[in-house]
Amino acid sequence: MGRRWPVVLVGAGVLVVAAVGVGSHFYDQVSPYLHSERCTAEIDGESVALTPEQAGNAGLMGAIAVRRGLPARAVTIAVATSMQESKLYNLESGDRDSLGLFQQRPSQGWGTPREILDPYYSINTFYDALEEVDGYDTMEITEAAQEVQRSGYPEAYAEHEPDARVLASALTGYSPHVFSCTLDGDAEPASDRLRPSGLTPRADLVRRDLEAAFGPLPLGGFAPGGVSSGHMEGSTHYDGRALDVFVRPVSEENNRRGWAIASYLVSQADRLGIQNVIFDARIWTSGSRSGDGWRDYDPPSEQGDRAVLEHRDHVHVDVFE
């Protein structure tokens, strides 16, 4: 189903959390200064930096919560738990038989090793268990996470709450255009032969990945046989490298959903070879401009309906050739 998620094999004691300036943390195995690629979210002076792999896992936690109609608090709890248990990596080992993002144990009924190492499965089973906790959305994070995890060190979850709240707010769309990634933009060349959907294989993978994360979506901008029209001259839609995710009608709720989708796409950009994401008059571009984050997107007014061109009712995503 187009799911390619890395699994990391790490020995005990390797993962550390490194501070990067005041109010900023980088969750990784080695010094953040060794990384040219990173993803960040910053709200009210609190900044969190992740590797693209960690960001991809956090992004999926946000997307699945949106699909399930869960509050941002659920994402905060999930992200904080994973920060403590695995530093947001999908680990292939851990204490005793613990595995995956949440270090869930097959011997404790969480599933088979193969299931637990599937992020879609492990995130959904975490949320299943969380929803069984009455009043989890108003509990202290240590209480809610402990009800799910039964950890020997429940107080440790609270240490990650500020960072998890920043990521949860960004990835669920409550804080727009604050999550971005700085990426090299060096995707490997891919086939340009159109799939039956009218998309290149790389763009079609994005389509399938979006629906695996968010469920069925109102998609457009492509058609079987490669027929596409109504876009600006030179648009990547005409090459089958782009698709649109509609969030109509324009409203506060749909704007939030659009930003959740846009942030998710940026969090997966390294893995999926995404080049541009446009929404709500903002654009993020992989490669040399990615360090600028979300820039103003101001298409020429003579091109047509400005509201449509500014992508206020749909998220545009295109991929590298």
Protein backbone atom coordinates (compact mmCIF):
# COMPACT_ATOMS: atom_id res chain seq x y z
CA MET A 1 0.00 0.00 0.00
CA GLY A 2 2.93 2.34 -0.52
CA ARG A 3 4.02 2.23 3.11
CA ARG A 4 7.77 2.41 3.50
CA TRP A 5 8.70 3.25 7.04
CA PRO A 6 12.24 2.76 8.36
CA VAL A 7 12.90 0.47 11.28
CA VAL A 8 15.89 1.38 13.45
CA LEU A 9 17.96 -1.15 15.35
CA VAL A 10 19.47 0.58 18.37
CA GLY A 11 21.29 -0.77 21.41
CA ALA A 12 20.35 0.28 24.90
CA GLY A 13 21.71 3.60 26.04
CA VAL A 14 22.43 5.00 22.58
CA LEU A 15 19.56 7.45 22.27
CA VAL A 16 19.99 10.80 23.97
CA VAL A 17 18.21 14.14 23.95
CA ALA A 18 20.40 17.11 23.13
CA ALA A 19 19.51 20.69 23.93
CA VAL A 20 19.81 23.22 21.15
CA GLY A 21 19.62 26.67 22.65
CA VAL A 22 17.06 28.05 25.06
CA GLY A 23 13.61 26.53 24.71
CA SER A 24 14.69 24.26 21.87
CA HIS A 25 15.36 20.53 21.80
CA PHE A 26 16.65 18.14 19.18
CA TYR A 27 15.64 14.51 19.61
CA ASP A 28 18.35 12.40 18.01
CA GLN A 29 21.10 9.88 18.56
CA VAL A 30 23.97 12.27 17.79
CA SER A 31 24.67 15.98 17.85
CA PRO A 32 22.16 18.02 15.85
CA TYR A 33 25.02 19.98 14.38
CA LEU A 34 25.89 16.94 12.27
CA HIS A 35 22.54 17.14 10.49
CA SER A 36 21.93 19.25 7.40
CA GLU A 37 18.36 17.96 7.18
CA ARG A 38 15.94 18.61 10.01
CA CYS A 39 12.32 19.44 10.71
CA THR A 40 11.21 22.06 13.19
CA ALA A 41 8.11 23.46 14.84
CA GLU A 42 8.07 26.63 16.89
CA ILE A 43 5.20 28.18 18.86
CA ASP A 44 5.50 31.01 21.39
CA GLY A 45 9.27 30.63 21.71
CA GLU A 46 9.19 26.86 22.25
CA SER A 47 11.04 25.15 19.41
CA VAL A 48 11.39 21.44 18.67
CA ALA A 49 13.75 19.97 16.06
CA LEU A 50 13.56 16.45 14.67
CA THR A 51 15.25 14.38 12.02
CA PRO A 52 13.10 13.75 8.93
CA GLU A 53 12.52 10.18 10.13
CA GLN A 54 11.28 11.31 13.54
CA ALA A 55 9.14 13.98 11.91
CA GLY A 56 7.59 11.37 9.65
CA ASN A 57 6.54 9.30 12.66
CA ALA A 58 5.17 12.30 14.54
CA GLY A 59 3.35 13.41 11.39
CA LEU A 60 1.65 10.06 11.11
CA MET A 61 0.49 10.30 14.73
CA GLY A 62 -1.12 13.62 13.88
CA ALA A 63 -2.72 12.36 10.66
CA ILE A 64 -4.22 9.25 12.21
CA ALA A 65 -5.65 11.32 15.08
CA VAL A 66 -7.28 13.68 12.56
CA ARG A 67 -8.70 10.69 10.69
CA ARG A 68 -10.15 9.28 13.92
CA GLY A 69 -11.53 12.63 15.05
CA LEU A 70 -9.36 12.69 18.17
CA PRO A 71 -8.43 15.93 19.95
CA ALA A 72 -4.97 17.45 19.72
CA ARG A 73 -4.46 16.34 23.33
CA ALA A 74 -4.39 12.72 22.13
CA VAL A 75 -1.53 13.59 19.77
CA THR A 76 0.32 15.34 22.60
CA ILE A 77 0.05 12.19 24.72
CA ALA A 78 1.11 9.92 21.85
CA VAL A 79 4.08 12.08 20.83
CA ALA A 80 5.28 12.57 24.42
CA THR A 81 5.02 8.83 25.05
CA SER A 82 7.00 7.99 21.92
CA MET A 83 9.60 10.65 22.73
CA GLN A 84 10.19 8.94 26.04
CA GLU A 85 10.00 5.36 24.82
CA SER A 86 11.87 5.51 21.50
CA LYS A 87 12.76 9.15 20.74
CA LEU A 88 10.19 8.90 17.94
CA TYR A 89 12.07 6.11 16.16
CA ASN A 90 10.53 2.82 15.10
CA LEU A 91 12.94 0.65 17.08
CA GLU A 92 13.43 -3.02 16.31
CA SER A 93 14.60 -3.76 19.86
CA GLY A 94 14.26 -2.56 23.43
CA ASP A 95 13.84 -3.71 27.00
CA ARG A 96 12.92 -7.40 26.96
CA ASP A 97 10.57 -7.84 23.99
CA SER A 98 9.64 -4.15 23.59
CA LEU A 99 9.39 -2.89 20.01
CA GLY A 100 8.47 0.05 17.86
CA LEU A 101 7.47 3.64 18.42
CA PHE A 102 5.91 3.04 21.84
CA GLN A 103 8.01 0.04 22.85
CA GLN A 104 4.90 -2.13 22.90
CA ARG A 105 5.45 -5.74 23.95
CA PRO A 106 4.08 -8.76 22.09
CA SER A 107 4.05 -10.69 25.38
CA GLN A 108 1.68 -8.10 26.83
CA GLY A 109 -0.89 -8.50 24.07
CA TRP A 110 0.01 -5.54 21.85
CA GLY A 111 0.29 -7.70 18.74
CA THR A 112 2.87 -9.67 16.82
CA PRO A 113 6.35 -8.17 16.30
CA ARG A 114 5.51 -7.56 12.66
CA GLU A 115 2.31 -5.75 13.57
CA ILE A 116 3.96 -3.59 16.23
CA LEU A 117 6.69 -2.55 13.80
CA ASP A 118 4.02 -1.26 11.40
CA PRO A 119 3.58 2.40 12.49
CA TYR A 120 -0.02 2.48 11.27
CA TYR A 121 -0.85 -0.48 13.47
CA SER A 122 1.09 0.64 16.54
CA ILE A 123 -0.29 4.19 16.47
CA ASN A 124 -3.85 2.97 16.06
CA THR A 125 -3.49 0.45 18.88
CA PHE A 126 -2.06 3.19 21.11
CA TYR A 127 -5.06 5.40 20.35
CA ASP A 128 -7.43 2.44 20.85
CA ALA A 129 -6.04 1.98 24.35
CA LEU A 130 -6.03 5.72 25.06
CA GLU A 131 -9.68 6.06 24.14
CA GLU A 132 -10.49 3.41 26.74
CA VAL A 133 -9.12 5.75 29.43
CA ASP A 134 -12.07 7.75 30.73
CA GLY A 135 -11.29 11.47 30.72
CA TYR A 136 -7.83 11.10 29.19
CA ASP A 137 -8.13 14.47 27.46
CA THR A 138 -8.25 16.31 30.79
CA MET A 139 -5.75 14.14 32.69
CA GLU A 140 -2.17 14.98 33.45
CA ILE A 141 -0.04 13.50 30.69
CA THR A 142 1.72 11.18 33.13
CA GLU A 143 -1.62 9.70 34.19
CA ALA A 144 -3.01 9.22 30.70
CA ALA A 145 0.21 7.80 29.25
CA GLN A 146 0.67 5.52 32.26
CA GLU A 147 -2.86 4.12 31.89
CA VAL A 148 -1.86 3.00 28.40
CA GLN A 149 1.80 2.08 28.87
CA ARG A 150 2.14 0.83 32.46
CA SER A 151 5.69 2.16 32.55
CA GLY A 152 8.09 1.79 35.42
CA TYR A 153 8.92 5.51 35.07
CA PRO A 154 5.61 7.28 34.42
CA GLU A 155 6.84 10.67 35.61
CA ALA A 156 9.26 10.78 32.65
CA TYR A 157 6.43 11.38 30.17
CA ALA A 158 5.75 14.84 31.60
CA GLU A 159 9.26 15.99 30.64
CA HIS A 160 8.27 15.85 26.98
CA GLU A 161 4.88 17.54 27.27
CA PRO A 162 5.93 21.07 26.17
CA ASP A 163 7.60 19.78 23.02
CA ALA A 164 4.82 17.31 22.30
CA ARG A 165 2.22 20.07 22.62
CA VAL A 166 4.08 22.18 20.05
CA LEU A 167 4.21 19.28 17.59
CA ALA A 168 0.59 18.27 18.23
CA SER A 169 -0.69 21.80 17.65
CA ALA A 170 1.31 22.13 14.44
CA LEU A 171 0.51 18.69 13.04
CA THR A 172 -3.24 18.90 13.68
CA GLY A 173 -3.52 22.32 12.05
CA TYR A 174 -4.32 24.37 15.14
CA SER A 175 -1.08 26.31 14.64
CA PRO A 176 -0.74 26.88 10.87
CA HIS A 177 2.51 27.08 8.92
CA VAL A 178 4.77 26.58 11.95
CA PHE A 179 6.00 23.10 11.00
CA SER A 180 8.56 22.81 8.21
CA CYS A 181 11.56 20.77 7.13
CA THR A 182 14.95 21.78 5.76
CA LEU A 183 15.79 19.13 3.18
CA ASP A 184 18.48 18.69 0.56
CA GLY A 185 15.87 17.99 -2.11
CA ASP A 186 17.98 15.30 -3.75
CA ALA A 187 15.30 12.72 -4.56
CA GLU A 188 16.42 9.90 -6.83
CA PRO A 189 15.12 10.11 -10.41
CA ALA A 190 11.90 8.16 -10.85
CA SER A 191 9.79 6.85 -13.72
CA ASP A 192 7.58 9.37 -15.52
CA ARG A 193 5.34 6.68 -17.00
CA LEU A 194 1.81 7.48 -15.88
CA ARG A 195 -0.11 5.00 -13.77
CA PRO A 196 -3.80 4.24 -14.53
CA SER A 197 -4.66 7.04 -12.10
CA GLY A 198 -3.01 9.58 -14.41
CA LEU A 199 -0.15 10.14 -11.97
CA THR A 200 3.52 9.24 -12.12
CA PRO A 201 4.50 6.37 -9.79
CA ARG A 202 5.97 8.81 -7.26
CA ALA A 203 2.87 11.03 -7.24
CA ASP A 204 0.61 7.99 -7.08
CA LEU A 205 2.53 6.82 -4.01
CA VAL A 206 1.74 10.16 -2.37
CA ARG A 207 -1.93 9.67 -3.22
CA ARG A 208 -1.99 6.20 -1.67
CA ASP A 209 0.03 7.35 1.34
CA LEU A 210 -2.37 10.23 2.04
CA GLU A 211 -5.37 7.93 2.01
CA ALA A 212 -3.60 5.36 4.18
CA ALA A 213 -3.02 8.09 6.77
CA PHE A 214 -6.19 10.20 6.54
CA GLY A 215 -8.66 7.78 4.98
CA PRO A 216 -10.64 8.56 1.79
CA LEU A 217 -10.05 12.15 0.66
CA PRO A 218 -11.59 14.39 -2.03
CA LEU A 219 -8.67 14.40 -4.44
CA GLY A 220 -8.34 16.08 -7.82
CA GLY A 221 -5.98 17.58 -10.34
CA PHE A 222 -5.37 14.29 -12.11
CA ALA A 223 -7.35 11.81 -14.17
CA PRO A 224 -6.94 8.38 -15.81
CA GLY A 225 -5.00 8.70 -19.02
CA GLY A 226 -3.10 11.73 -17.82
CA VAL A 227 -5.84 14.22 -18.71
CA SER A 228 -5.67 17.35 -16.58
CA SER A 229 -6.89 20.86 -17.26
CA GLY A 230 -7.73 24.16 -15.63
CA HIS A 231 -4.29 24.76 -14.14
CA MET A 232 -1.73 27.48 -14.71
CA GLU A 233 0.62 27.16 -17.65
CA GLY A 234 3.61 25.01 -16.72
CA SER A 235 1.82 23.36 -13.81
CA THR A 236 3.18 20.00 -12.69
CA HIS A 237 -0.40 18.73 -12.95
CA TYR A 238 0.11 18.41 -16.71
CA ASP A 239 3.02 16.02 -16.12
CA GLY A 240 1.06 13.84 -13.70
CA ARG A 241 3.35 14.92 -10.85
CA ALA A 242 0.75 16.80 -8.79
CA LEU A 243 -2.53 16.30 -7.00
CA ASP A 244 -4.90 18.45 -4.98
CA VAL A 245 -6.65 17.64 -1.70
CA PHE A 246 -9.86 19.64 -1.39
CA VAL A 247 -11.01 21.11 1.92
CA ARG A 248 -14.27 22.75 0.87
CA PRO A 249 -16.09 24.91 1.76
CA VAL A 250 -13.58 27.45 3.05
CA SER A 251 -14.09 27.57 6.82
CA GLU A 252 -12.10 27.66 10.02
CA GLU A 253 -12.53 23.92 10.52
CA ASN A 254 -11.53 23.07 6.96
CA ASN A 255 -8.60 25.48 7.14
CA ARG A 256 -7.37 23.58 10.19
CA ARG A 257 -7.81 20.28 8.36
CA GLY A 258 -5.96 21.68 5.37
CA TRP A 259 -3.02 22.68 7.53
CA ALA A 260 -2.99 19.22 9.12
CA ILE A 261 -2.75 17.69 5.64
CA ALA A 262 -0.14 20.21 4.47
CA SER A 263 2.00 19.69 7.58
CA TYR A 264 1.75 15.93 7.19
CA LEU A 265 2.95 16.17 3.59
CA VAL A 266 5.98 18.23 4.64
CA SER A 267 6.73 15.71 7.40
CA GLN A 268 6.82 12.96 4.76
CA ALA A 269 8.57 14.97 2.05
CA ASP A 270 11.96 13.31 2.46
CA ARG A 271 10.49 9.81 2.33
CA LEU A 272 8.09 10.44 -0.57
CA GLY A 273 10.15 12.79 -2.76
CA ILE A 274 7.77 15.73 -2.38
CA GLN A 275 8.93 18.96 -4.02
CA ASN A 276 6.23 21.56 -3.21
CA VAL A 277 3.26 21.90 -0.90
CA ILE A 278 0.90 24.88 -1.29
CA PHE A 279 -2.03 25.86 0.93
CA ASP A 280 -3.74 29.00 2.14
CA ALA A 281 -1.49 31.41 0.22
CA ARG A 282 1.68 29.74 1.56
CA ILE A 283 4.22 27.49 -0.13
CA TRP A 284 6.91 25.16 1.17
CA THR A 285 9.60 23.96 -1.25
CA SER A 286 12.14 21.18 -0.74
CA GLY A 287 15.77 21.86 -1.51
CA SER A 288 17.60 25.17 -1.41
CA ARG A 289 14.52 27.16 -0.33
CA SER A 290 13.30 24.71 2.30
CA GLY A 291 15.18 26.57 5.02
CA ASP A 292 12.83 29.51 4.42
CA GLY A 293 9.93 27.45 5.75
CA TRP A 294 6.44 28.47 4.59
CA ARG A 295 6.78 31.44 2.25
CA ASP A 296 4.06 33.74 0.95
CA TYR A 297 2.52 32.37 -2.24
CA ASP A 298 1.30 35.15 -4.50
CA PRO A 299 0.26 33.98 -7.96
CA PRO A 300 -0.35 36.51 -10.75
CA SER A 301 -3.89 37.90 -10.49
CA GLU A 302 -4.35 37.66 -14.27
CA GLN A 303 -4.22 33.89 -14.01
CA GLY A 304 -7.81 33.69 -12.77
CA ASP A 305 -9.78 33.25 -9.56
CA ARG A 306 -7.38 34.47 -6.88
CA ALA A 307 -9.01 32.47 -4.09
CA VAL A 308 -8.48 29.26 -6.07
CA LEU A 309 -4.95 30.19 -7.15
CA GLU A 310 -4.00 30.89 -3.55
CA HIS A 311 -5.14 27.36 -2.72
CA ARG A 312 -7.47 28.32 0.11
CA ASP A 313 -9.86 25.47 -0.69
CA HIS A 314 -7.29 22.79 -1.49
CA VAL A 315 -3.81 21.59 -0.63
CA HIS A 316 -1.55 21.22 -3.67
CA VAL A 317 1.34 18.76 -3.56
CA ASP A 318 3.79 17.87 -6.31
CA VAL A 319 6.78 15.56 -6.46
CA PHE A 320 10.22 15.57 -8.02
CA GLU A 321 10.69 14.17 -11.51
